[in-house]
Amino acid sequence: MPEESNEPDEVDIIVAAWKRERPDVDVSAMQVLSRVSRLARHLDRARKQAFAAHDLETWEFDVLAALRRAGSPYDLSPGRLVAETLVTSGTMTNRVDRLVARGLVERRPDPDDRRGVLVSLTASGRRTVDAALDELLAHEREILGALDPADATRLADALRTLARQV
């Protein structure tokens, strides 16, 4: 089990300074949310590092991962990709074009809609996204290694509750 430390961290120092300078305000939310914000920055760096090791940008991983999660035959309509990645249709068109040029996805006719197109993960795209995911998960396991499994579960539950509020 990881060792716990009562040493003050950066957030403790910031909160103490605010308490000293503004004793009239409640800064207790910073105890949680500033740590979440700082952790998000660390996670973003870990993601970029994991993806860069496989010559991917974050947005490329997002598109490839959406296709991979769709299951065999690993294809989605452009509209579904827009919904999965929360970008505009124009942005998605540009992204798909760039991934096609790299040989990671291909466009093919939708067999259920003569006017429709599906974006499909190529074998190369599948290998690339799987390898990047493996590396990302290794980084994430390392970060969570500071928690025992029960604490990680409680944290996930608490963060789910918070995320539903926003």
N, C-alpha and C. Protein backbone atom coordinates (compact mmCIF):
# COMPACT_ATOMS: atom_id res chain seq x y z
N MET A 1 0.85 -1.19 0.00
CA MET A 1 0.00 0.00 0.00
C MET A 1 0.89 1.24 0.00
N PRO A 2 0.52 2.25 -0.79
CA PRO A 2 1.34 3.46 -0.88
C PRO A 2 1.43 4.16 0.48
N GLU A 3 2.55 4.83 0.65
CA GLU A 3 2.80 5.56 1.88
C GLU A 3 2.11 6.91 1.83
N GLU A 4 1.42 7.27 2.93
CA GLU A 4 0.76 8.57 2.99
C GLU A 4 1.70 9.60 3.59
N SER A 5 1.54 10.83 3.16
CA SER A 5 2.39 11.90 3.66
C SER A 5 1.51 13.03 4.16
N ASN A 6 1.87 13.57 5.30
CA ASN A 6 1.16 14.73 5.83
C ASN A 6 1.89 16.02 5.48
N GLU A 7 2.92 15.90 4.63
CA GLU A 7 3.66 17.08 4.19
C GLU A 7 2.71 17.98 3.40
N PRO A 8 2.78 19.29 3.61
CA PRO A 8 1.94 20.20 2.82
C PRO A 8 2.32 20.12 1.33
N ASP A 9 1.32 20.18 0.49
CA ASP A 9 1.58 20.25 -0.94
C ASP A 9 1.36 21.69 -1.41
N GLU A 10 1.45 21.89 -2.73
CA GLU A 10 1.31 23.24 -3.29
C GLU A 10 -0.04 23.85 -2.95
N VAL A 11 -1.08 23.02 -2.98
CA VAL A 11 -2.42 23.54 -2.70
C VAL A 11 -2.54 23.95 -1.24
N ASP A 12 -1.98 23.18 -0.33
CA ASP A 12 -2.00 23.56 1.08
C ASP A 12 -1.36 24.93 1.28
N ILE A 13 -0.25 25.17 0.59
CA ILE A 13 0.46 26.44 0.71
C ILE A 13 -0.39 27.59 0.16
N ILE A 14 -1.03 27.36 -0.99
CA ILE A 14 -1.90 28.38 -1.58
C ILE A 14 -3.09 28.67 -0.68
N VAL A 15 -3.73 27.63 -0.17
CA VAL A 15 -4.90 27.80 0.70
C VAL A 15 -4.51 28.55 1.98
N ALA A 16 -3.38 28.18 2.55
CA ALA A 16 -2.92 28.87 3.77
C ALA A 16 -2.69 30.36 3.49
N ALA A 17 -2.12 30.66 2.34
CA ALA A 17 -1.87 32.07 1.99
C ALA A 17 -3.18 32.83 1.84
N TRP A 18 -4.16 32.22 1.20
CA TRP A 18 -5.46 32.88 1.05
C TRP A 18 -6.14 33.05 2.40
N LYS A 19 -6.05 32.06 3.26
CA LYS A 19 -6.64 32.18 4.59
C LYS A 19 -6.00 33.33 5.36
N ARG A 20 -4.69 33.48 5.20
CA ARG A 20 -3.97 34.56 5.87
C ARG A 20 -4.38 35.92 5.30
N GLU A 21 -4.45 36.00 3.97
CA GLU A 21 -4.72 37.28 3.31
C GLU A 21 -6.20 37.63 3.23
N ARG A 22 -7.05 36.60 3.18
CA ARG A 22 -8.49 36.84 3.08
C ARG A 22 -9.24 35.94 4.07
N PRO A 23 -9.07 36.18 5.36
CA PRO A 23 -9.75 35.35 6.35
C PRO A 23 -11.28 35.47 6.29
N ASP A 24 -11.77 36.45 5.54
CA ASP A 24 -13.21 36.68 5.44
C ASP A 24 -13.89 35.77 4.41
N VAL A 25 -13.12 35.00 3.62
CA VAL A 25 -13.72 34.14 2.59
C VAL A 25 -13.43 32.67 2.88
N ASP A 26 -14.36 31.83 2.49
CA ASP A 26 -14.21 30.38 2.65
C ASP A 26 -13.50 29.83 1.42
N VAL A 27 -12.27 29.38 1.58
CA VAL A 27 -11.48 28.85 0.47
C VAL A 27 -11.41 27.32 0.51
N SER A 28 -12.27 26.70 1.27
CA SER A 28 -12.20 25.24 1.45
C SER A 28 -12.40 24.47 0.13
N ALA A 29 -13.17 25.02 -0.81
CA ALA A 29 -13.37 24.33 -2.09
C ALA A 29 -12.04 24.15 -2.84
N MET A 30 -11.10 25.07 -2.60
CA MET A 30 -9.80 24.96 -3.25
C MET A 30 -9.07 23.68 -2.85
N GLN A 31 -9.33 23.19 -1.65
CA GLN A 31 -8.67 21.96 -1.19
C GLN A 31 -8.91 20.82 -2.16
N VAL A 32 -10.09 20.77 -2.76
CA VAL A 32 -10.43 19.71 -3.71
C VAL A 32 -10.19 20.17 -5.14
N LEU A 33 -10.79 21.27 -5.52
CA LEU A 33 -10.83 21.65 -6.92
C LEU A 33 -9.48 22.10 -7.46
N SER A 34 -8.66 22.73 -6.65
CA SER A 34 -7.32 23.09 -7.13
C SER A 34 -6.49 21.84 -7.36
N ARG A 35 -6.69 20.83 -6.53
CA ARG A 35 -5.97 19.57 -6.75
C ARG A 35 -6.47 18.87 -8.01
N VAL A 36 -7.76 18.91 -8.24
CA VAL A 36 -8.31 18.32 -9.47
C VAL A 36 -7.73 19.04 -10.68
N SER A 37 -7.67 20.36 -10.63
CA SER A 37 -7.13 21.14 -11.74
C SER A 37 -5.66 20.81 -11.98
N ARG A 38 -4.87 20.73 -10.94
CA ARG A 38 -3.46 20.40 -11.08
C ARG A 38 -3.27 18.97 -11.59
N LEU A 39 -4.07 18.06 -11.09
CA LEU A 39 -4.01 16.68 -11.56
C LEU A 39 -4.37 16.60 -13.04
N ALA A 40 -5.36 17.39 -13.46
CA ALA A 40 -5.75 17.40 -14.88
C ALA A 40 -4.58 17.83 -15.76
N ARG A 41 -3.80 18.79 -15.30
CA ARG A 41 -2.62 19.21 -16.07
C ARG A 41 -1.60 18.09 -16.17
N HIS A 42 -1.39 17.37 -15.07
CA HIS A 42 -0.46 16.23 -15.10
C HIS A 42 -0.98 15.13 -16.04
N LEU A 43 -2.27 14.88 -15.99
CA LEU A 43 -2.85 13.87 -16.87
C LEU A 43 -2.75 14.28 -18.33
N ASP A 44 -2.96 15.55 -18.61
CA ASP A 44 -2.84 16.04 -19.98
C ASP A 44 -1.42 15.83 -20.50
N ARG A 45 -0.43 16.11 -19.67
CA ARG A 45 0.96 15.88 -20.08
C ARG A 45 1.23 14.39 -20.30
N ALA A 46 0.70 13.54 -19.43
CA ALA A 46 0.90 12.09 -19.58
C ALA A 46 0.24 11.59 -20.87
N ARG A 47 -0.94 12.11 -21.18
CA ARG A 47 -1.62 11.72 -22.42
C ARG A 47 -0.81 12.14 -23.64
N LYS A 48 -0.38 13.39 -23.64
CA LYS A 48 0.40 13.87 -24.78
C LYS A 48 1.67 13.05 -24.96
N GLN A 49 2.32 12.70 -23.86
CA GLN A 49 3.53 11.89 -23.92
C GLN A 49 3.22 10.50 -24.47
N ALA A 50 2.16 9.88 -24.00
CA ALA A 50 1.78 8.54 -24.47
C ALA A 50 1.44 8.58 -25.95
N PHE A 51 0.71 9.59 -26.38
CA PHE A 51 0.30 9.66 -27.78
C PHE A 51 1.48 10.01 -28.68
N ALA A 52 2.32 10.91 -28.22
CA ALA A 52 3.49 11.30 -29.02
C ALA A 52 4.40 10.10 -29.27
N ALA A 53 4.49 9.19 -28.31
CA ALA A 53 5.31 8.00 -28.48
C ALA A 53 4.81 7.14 -29.65
N HIS A 54 3.57 7.40 -30.08
CA HIS A 54 2.99 6.65 -31.19
C HIS A 54 2.64 7.58 -32.35
N ASP A 55 3.31 8.74 -32.37
CA ASP A 55 3.16 9.73 -33.43
C ASP A 55 1.71 10.18 -33.60
N LEU A 56 1.03 10.39 -32.47
CA LEU A 56 -0.35 10.85 -32.50
C LEU A 56 -0.50 12.15 -31.73
N GLU A 57 -1.40 12.98 -32.21
CA GLU A 57 -1.86 14.14 -31.46
C GLU A 57 -3.07 13.68 -30.65
N THR A 58 -3.42 14.45 -29.63
CA THR A 58 -4.56 14.09 -28.78
C THR A 58 -5.83 13.94 -29.61
N TRP A 59 -6.06 14.88 -30.53
CA TRP A 59 -7.29 14.81 -31.33
C TRP A 59 -7.31 13.56 -32.21
N GLU A 60 -6.14 13.15 -32.69
CA GLU A 60 -6.08 11.94 -33.52
C GLU A 60 -6.45 10.72 -32.68
N PHE A 61 -5.91 10.66 -31.47
CA PHE A 61 -6.27 9.55 -30.59
C PHE A 61 -7.78 9.56 -30.33
N ASP A 62 -8.36 10.73 -30.09
CA ASP A 62 -9.80 10.81 -29.80
C ASP A 62 -10.64 10.22 -30.92
N VAL A 63 -10.30 10.55 -32.16
CA VAL A 63 -11.06 10.02 -33.29
C VAL A 63 -10.83 8.51 -33.43
N LEU A 64 -9.58 8.09 -33.39
CA LEU A 64 -9.27 6.67 -33.52
C LEU A 64 -9.90 5.87 -32.38
N ALA A 65 -9.87 6.41 -31.18
CA ALA A 65 -10.44 5.71 -30.02
C ALA A 65 -11.95 5.58 -30.15
N ALA A 66 -12.62 6.60 -30.67
CA ALA A 66 -14.07 6.52 -30.87
C ALA A 66 -14.40 5.39 -31.84
N LEU A 67 -13.62 5.29 -32.91
CA LEU A 67 -13.83 4.21 -33.88
C LEU A 67 -13.54 2.84 -33.25
N ARG A 68 -12.48 2.75 -32.49
CA ARG A 68 -12.10 1.47 -31.86
C ARG A 68 -13.15 1.03 -30.86
N ARG A 69 -13.69 1.96 -30.08
CA ARG A 69 -14.73 1.63 -29.09
C ARG A 69 -16.04 1.21 -29.73
N ALA A 70 -16.23 1.61 -31.00
CA ALA A 70 -17.47 1.25 -31.70
C ALA A 70 -17.57 -0.25 -31.91
N GLY A 71 -16.45 -0.94 -31.84
CA GLY A 71 -16.45 -2.39 -32.06
C GLY A 71 -16.41 -2.71 -33.54
N SER A 72 -16.15 -3.97 -33.81
CA SER A 72 -16.03 -4.43 -35.19
C SER A 72 -17.31 -4.12 -35.95
N PRO A 73 -17.23 -3.56 -37.12
CA PRO A 73 -16.09 -3.36 -38.01
C PRO A 73 -15.37 -2.02 -37.83
N TYR A 74 -15.50 -1.39 -36.67
CA TYR A 74 -14.76 -0.17 -36.32
C TYR A 74 -15.03 0.98 -37.27
N ASP A 75 -16.31 1.25 -37.46
CA ASP A 75 -16.67 2.40 -38.30
C ASP A 75 -17.84 3.15 -37.68
N LEU A 76 -17.88 4.44 -38.01
CA LEU A 76 -18.95 5.33 -37.56
C LEU A 76 -19.22 6.33 -38.66
N SER A 77 -20.42 6.87 -38.64
CA SER A 77 -20.74 7.96 -39.55
C SER A 77 -19.99 9.21 -39.07
N PRO A 78 -19.74 10.15 -39.97
CA PRO A 78 -19.12 11.41 -39.54
C PRO A 78 -19.95 12.11 -38.46
N GLY A 79 -21.26 12.05 -38.57
CA GLY A 79 -22.12 12.67 -37.55
C GLY A 79 -21.93 12.03 -36.18
N ARG A 80 -21.80 10.73 -36.16
CA ARG A 80 -21.58 10.03 -34.89
C ARG A 80 -20.20 10.38 -34.32
N LEU A 81 -19.20 10.51 -35.18
CA LEU A 81 -17.87 10.92 -34.73
C LEU A 81 -17.91 12.33 -34.14
N VAL A 82 -18.68 13.21 -34.74
CA VAL A 82 -18.84 14.57 -34.21
C VAL A 82 -19.41 14.49 -32.79
N ALA A 83 -20.45 13.67 -32.61
CA ALA A 83 -21.07 13.53 -31.29
C ALA A 83 -20.12 12.91 -30.28
N GLU A 84 -19.32 11.96 -30.71
CA GLU A 84 -18.39 11.27 -29.81
C GLU A 84 -17.22 12.16 -29.38
N THR A 85 -16.81 13.07 -30.24
CA THR A 85 -15.60 13.87 -29.96
C THR A 85 -15.89 15.33 -29.65
N LEU A 86 -17.16 15.73 -29.75
CA LEU A 86 -17.59 17.08 -29.38
C LEU A 86 -16.89 18.18 -30.17
N VAL A 87 -16.78 17.97 -31.48
CA VAL A 87 -16.24 19.01 -32.37
C VAL A 87 -17.29 19.31 -33.44
N THR A 88 -17.06 20.35 -34.23
CA THR A 88 -18.00 20.69 -35.29
C THR A 88 -17.82 19.74 -36.48
N SER A 89 -18.80 19.72 -37.36
CA SER A 89 -18.70 18.85 -38.53
C SER A 89 -17.56 19.28 -39.44
N GLY A 90 -17.33 20.59 -39.56
CA GLY A 90 -16.21 21.08 -40.38
C GLY A 90 -14.86 20.63 -39.82
N THR A 91 -14.75 20.71 -38.50
CA THR A 91 -13.52 20.25 -37.86
C THR A 91 -13.33 18.76 -38.08
N MET A 92 -14.42 17.99 -37.96
CA MET A 92 -14.31 16.54 -38.14
C MET A 92 -13.91 16.21 -39.57
N THR A 93 -14.46 16.91 -40.55
CA THR A 93 -14.08 16.66 -41.94
C THR A 93 -12.58 16.83 -42.12
N ASN A 94 -12.04 17.91 -41.57
CA ASN A 94 -10.61 18.17 -41.66
C ASN A 94 -9.81 17.07 -40.96
N ARG A 95 -10.27 16.65 -39.80
CA ARG A 95 -9.56 15.61 -39.05
C ARG A 95 -9.58 14.28 -39.79
N VAL A 96 -10.72 13.92 -40.33
CA VAL A 96 -10.81 12.66 -41.08
C VAL A 96 -9.91 12.73 -42.31
N ASP A 97 -9.91 13.86 -43.01
CA ASP A 97 -9.02 14.02 -44.17
C ASP A 97 -7.57 13.74 -43.78
N ARG A 98 -7.15 14.32 -42.66
CA ARG A 98 -5.76 14.16 -42.22
C ARG A 98 -5.46 12.72 -41.81
N LEU A 99 -6.42 12.06 -41.17
CA LEU A 99 -6.22 10.66 -40.78
C LEU A 99 -6.24 9.73 -41.99
N VAL A 100 -7.05 10.06 -42.99
CA VAL A 100 -7.04 9.28 -44.24
C VAL A 100 -5.67 9.40 -44.89
N ALA A 101 -5.13 10.62 -44.94
CA ALA A 101 -3.82 10.83 -45.55
C ALA A 101 -2.72 10.04 -44.84
N ARG A 102 -2.89 9.81 -43.56
CA ARG A 102 -1.91 9.03 -42.79
C ARG A 102 -2.17 7.53 -42.87
N GLY A 103 -3.27 7.13 -43.49
CA GLY A 103 -3.58 5.71 -43.62
C GLY A 103 -4.15 5.09 -42.35
N LEU A 104 -4.64 5.92 -41.43
CA LEU A 104 -5.17 5.41 -40.16
C LEU A 104 -6.67 5.15 -40.21
N VAL A 105 -7.36 5.85 -41.11
CA VAL A 105 -8.79 5.61 -41.34
C VAL A 105 -9.04 5.68 -42.84
N GLU A 106 -10.20 5.20 -43.23
CA GLU A 106 -10.63 5.33 -44.62
C GLU A 106 -12.12 5.65 -44.65
N ARG A 107 -12.52 6.29 -45.72
CA ARG A 107 -13.95 6.55 -45.94
C ARG A 107 -14.46 5.46 -46.85
N ARG A 108 -15.69 5.00 -46.57
CA ARG A 108 -16.31 4.02 -47.45
C ARG A 108 -17.81 4.28 -47.49
N PRO A 109 -18.45 3.85 -48.56
CA PRO A 109 -19.91 4.07 -48.65
C PRO A 109 -20.64 3.35 -47.52
N ASP A 110 -21.69 3.99 -47.03
CA ASP A 110 -22.54 3.37 -46.01
C ASP A 110 -23.48 2.40 -46.70
N PRO A 111 -23.40 1.10 -46.41
CA PRO A 111 -24.25 0.13 -47.10
C PRO A 111 -25.75 0.32 -46.81
N ASP A 112 -26.06 1.05 -45.73
CA ASP A 112 -27.46 1.27 -45.37
C ASP A 112 -28.01 2.61 -45.85
N ASP A 113 -27.16 3.43 -46.46
CA ASP A 113 -27.57 4.75 -46.91
C ASP A 113 -26.73 5.11 -48.13
N ARG A 114 -27.35 5.08 -49.32
CA ARG A 114 -26.60 5.31 -50.57
C ARG A 114 -25.86 6.62 -50.58
N ARG A 115 -26.39 7.64 -49.89
CA ARG A 115 -25.73 8.94 -49.87
C ARG A 115 -24.74 9.07 -48.73
N GLY A 116 -24.75 8.13 -47.81
CA GLY A 116 -23.94 8.23 -46.60
C GLY A 116 -22.54 7.67 -46.75
N VAL A 117 -21.70 8.06 -45.83
CA VAL A 117 -20.31 7.62 -45.78
C VAL A 117 -20.04 7.13 -44.37
N LEU A 118 -19.19 6.14 -44.26
CA LEU A 118 -18.71 5.69 -42.97
C LEU A 118 -17.20 5.95 -42.90
N VAL A 119 -16.72 6.26 -41.72
CA VAL A 119 -15.29 6.40 -41.48
C VAL A 119 -14.89 5.12 -40.77
N SER A 120 -13.91 4.43 -41.34
CA SER A 120 -13.49 3.12 -40.82
C SER A 120 -12.04 3.15 -40.37
N LEU A 121 -11.77 2.48 -39.29
CA LEU A 121 -10.41 2.31 -38.79
C LEU A 121 -9.69 1.31 -39.69
N THR A 122 -8.50 1.65 -40.14
CA THR A 122 -7.70 0.71 -40.91
C THR A 122 -6.95 -0.21 -39.93
N ALA A 123 -6.34 -1.24 -40.45
CA ALA A 123 -5.53 -2.13 -39.60
C ALA A 123 -4.42 -1.34 -38.93
N SER A 124 -3.79 -0.44 -39.67
CA SER A 124 -2.74 0.40 -39.11
C SER A 124 -3.29 1.31 -38.02
N GLY A 125 -4.46 1.87 -38.26
CA GLY A 125 -5.10 2.73 -37.26
C GLY A 125 -5.42 1.96 -36.00
N ARG A 126 -5.88 0.73 -36.16
CA ARG A 126 -6.21 -0.09 -34.99
C ARG A 126 -4.95 -0.41 -34.19
N ARG A 127 -3.88 -0.79 -34.86
CA ARG A 127 -2.62 -1.08 -34.15
C ARG A 127 -2.13 0.17 -33.42
N THR A 128 -2.22 1.30 -34.07
CA THR A 128 -1.73 2.56 -33.50
C THR A 128 -2.53 2.96 -32.27
N VAL A 129 -3.85 2.93 -32.37
CA VAL A 129 -4.67 3.34 -31.23
C VAL A 129 -4.55 2.35 -30.08
N ASP A 130 -4.43 1.07 -30.38
CA ASP A 130 -4.27 0.08 -29.32
C ASP A 130 -2.95 0.29 -28.57
N ALA A 131 -1.88 0.54 -29.30
CA ALA A 131 -0.57 0.76 -28.67
C ALA A 131 -0.58 2.04 -27.83
N ALA A 132 -1.20 3.09 -28.37
CA ALA A 132 -1.27 4.36 -27.62
C ALA A 132 -2.11 4.19 -26.36
N LEU A 133 -3.20 3.44 -26.47
CA LEU A 133 -4.04 3.19 -25.30
C LEU A 133 -3.26 2.43 -24.23
N ASP A 134 -2.53 1.41 -24.63
CA ASP A 134 -1.73 0.65 -23.67
C ASP A 134 -0.76 1.55 -22.92
N GLU A 135 -0.10 2.43 -23.66
CA GLU A 135 0.86 3.35 -23.03
C GLU A 135 0.15 4.33 -22.11
N LEU A 136 -0.99 4.88 -22.55
CA LEU A 136 -1.76 5.80 -21.72
C LEU A 136 -2.17 5.13 -20.42
N LEU A 137 -2.68 3.92 -20.52
CA LEU A 137 -3.14 3.22 -19.31
C LEU A 137 -1.99 2.93 -18.36
N ALA A 138 -0.81 2.67 -18.88
CA ALA A 138 0.35 2.47 -18.02
C ALA A 138 0.65 3.74 -17.24
N HIS A 139 0.59 4.90 -17.91
CA HIS A 139 0.81 6.18 -17.23
C HIS A 139 -0.26 6.41 -16.17
N GLU A 140 -1.51 6.12 -16.51
CA GLU A 140 -2.61 6.35 -15.57
C GLU A 140 -2.51 5.42 -14.36
N ARG A 141 -2.12 4.16 -14.59
CA ARG A 141 -1.93 3.23 -13.46
C ARG A 141 -0.82 3.73 -12.54
N GLU A 142 0.23 4.28 -13.14
CA GLU A 142 1.33 4.82 -12.34
C GLU A 142 0.85 5.97 -11.47
N ILE A 143 0.05 6.87 -12.04
CA ILE A 143 -0.48 8.00 -11.27
C ILE A 143 -1.37 7.51 -10.15
N LEU A 144 -2.24 6.56 -10.44
CA LEU A 144 -3.16 6.04 -9.42
C LEU A 144 -2.49 5.11 -8.43
N GLY A 145 -1.24 4.75 -8.69
CA GLY A 145 -0.51 3.86 -7.79
C GLY A 145 -0.38 4.42 -6.38
N ALA A 146 -0.59 5.72 -6.22
CA ALA A 146 -0.53 6.33 -4.90
C ALA A 146 -1.75 6.00 -4.06
N LEU A 147 -2.78 5.41 -4.67
CA LEU A 147 -4.01 5.07 -3.95
C LEU A 147 -4.19 3.56 -3.90
N ASP A 148 -4.76 3.09 -2.79
CA ASP A 148 -5.13 1.67 -2.81
C ASP A 148 -6.42 1.55 -3.61
N PRO A 149 -6.77 0.35 -4.07
CA PRO A 149 -7.94 0.19 -4.95
C PRO A 149 -9.25 0.71 -4.34
N ALA A 150 -9.44 0.53 -3.05
CA ALA A 150 -10.68 1.03 -2.43
C ALA A 150 -10.74 2.55 -2.47
N ASP A 151 -9.61 3.22 -2.21
CA ASP A 151 -9.58 4.68 -2.29
C ASP A 151 -9.81 5.16 -3.72
N ALA A 152 -9.24 4.45 -4.68
CA ALA A 152 -9.45 4.82 -6.09
C ALA A 152 -10.92 4.70 -6.46
N THR A 153 -11.59 3.66 -5.97
CA THR A 153 -13.02 3.48 -6.24
C THR A 153 -13.83 4.59 -5.60
N ARG A 154 -13.52 4.93 -4.35
CA ARG A 154 -14.24 6.02 -3.68
C ARG A 154 -14.02 7.35 -4.39
N LEU A 155 -12.79 7.58 -4.84
CA LEU A 155 -12.50 8.81 -5.56
C LEU A 155 -13.28 8.86 -6.87
N ALA A 156 -13.31 7.77 -7.61
CA ALA A 156 -14.08 7.71 -8.86
C ALA A 156 -15.55 8.00 -8.60
N ASP A 157 -16.09 7.44 -7.54
CA ASP A 157 -17.50 7.68 -7.20
C ASP A 157 -17.74 9.15 -6.86
N ALA A 158 -16.84 9.73 -6.08
CA ALA A 158 -17.00 11.14 -5.70
C ALA A 158 -16.88 12.05 -6.91
N LEU A 159 -15.92 11.76 -7.79
CA LEU A 159 -15.75 12.59 -8.98
C LEU A 159 -16.93 12.44 -9.94
N ARG A 160 -17.50 11.24 -10.03
CA ARG A 160 -18.70 11.04 -10.85
C ARG A 160 -19.83 11.93 -10.33
N THR A 161 -20.00 11.97 -9.02
CA THR A 161 -21.04 12.81 -8.42
C THR A 161 -20.80 14.27 -8.77
N LEU A 162 -19.56 14.74 -8.64
CA LEU A 162 -19.25 16.13 -8.99
C LEU A 162 -19.47 16.41 -10.47
N ALA A 163 -19.04 15.49 -11.32
CA ALA A 163 -19.17 15.71 -12.77
C ALA A 163 -20.62 15.81 -13.20
N ARG A 164 -21.50 15.13 -12.51
CA ARG A 164 -22.93 15.21 -12.86
C ARG A 164 -23.52 16.57 -12.51
N GLN A 165 -22.85 17.31 -11.64
CA GLN A 165 -23.34 18.62 -11.22
C GLN A 165 -23.04 19.73 -12.21
N VAL A 166 -22.05 19.49 -13.07
CA VAL A 166 -21.61 20.58 -13.97
C VAL A 166 -22.13 20.39 -15.38
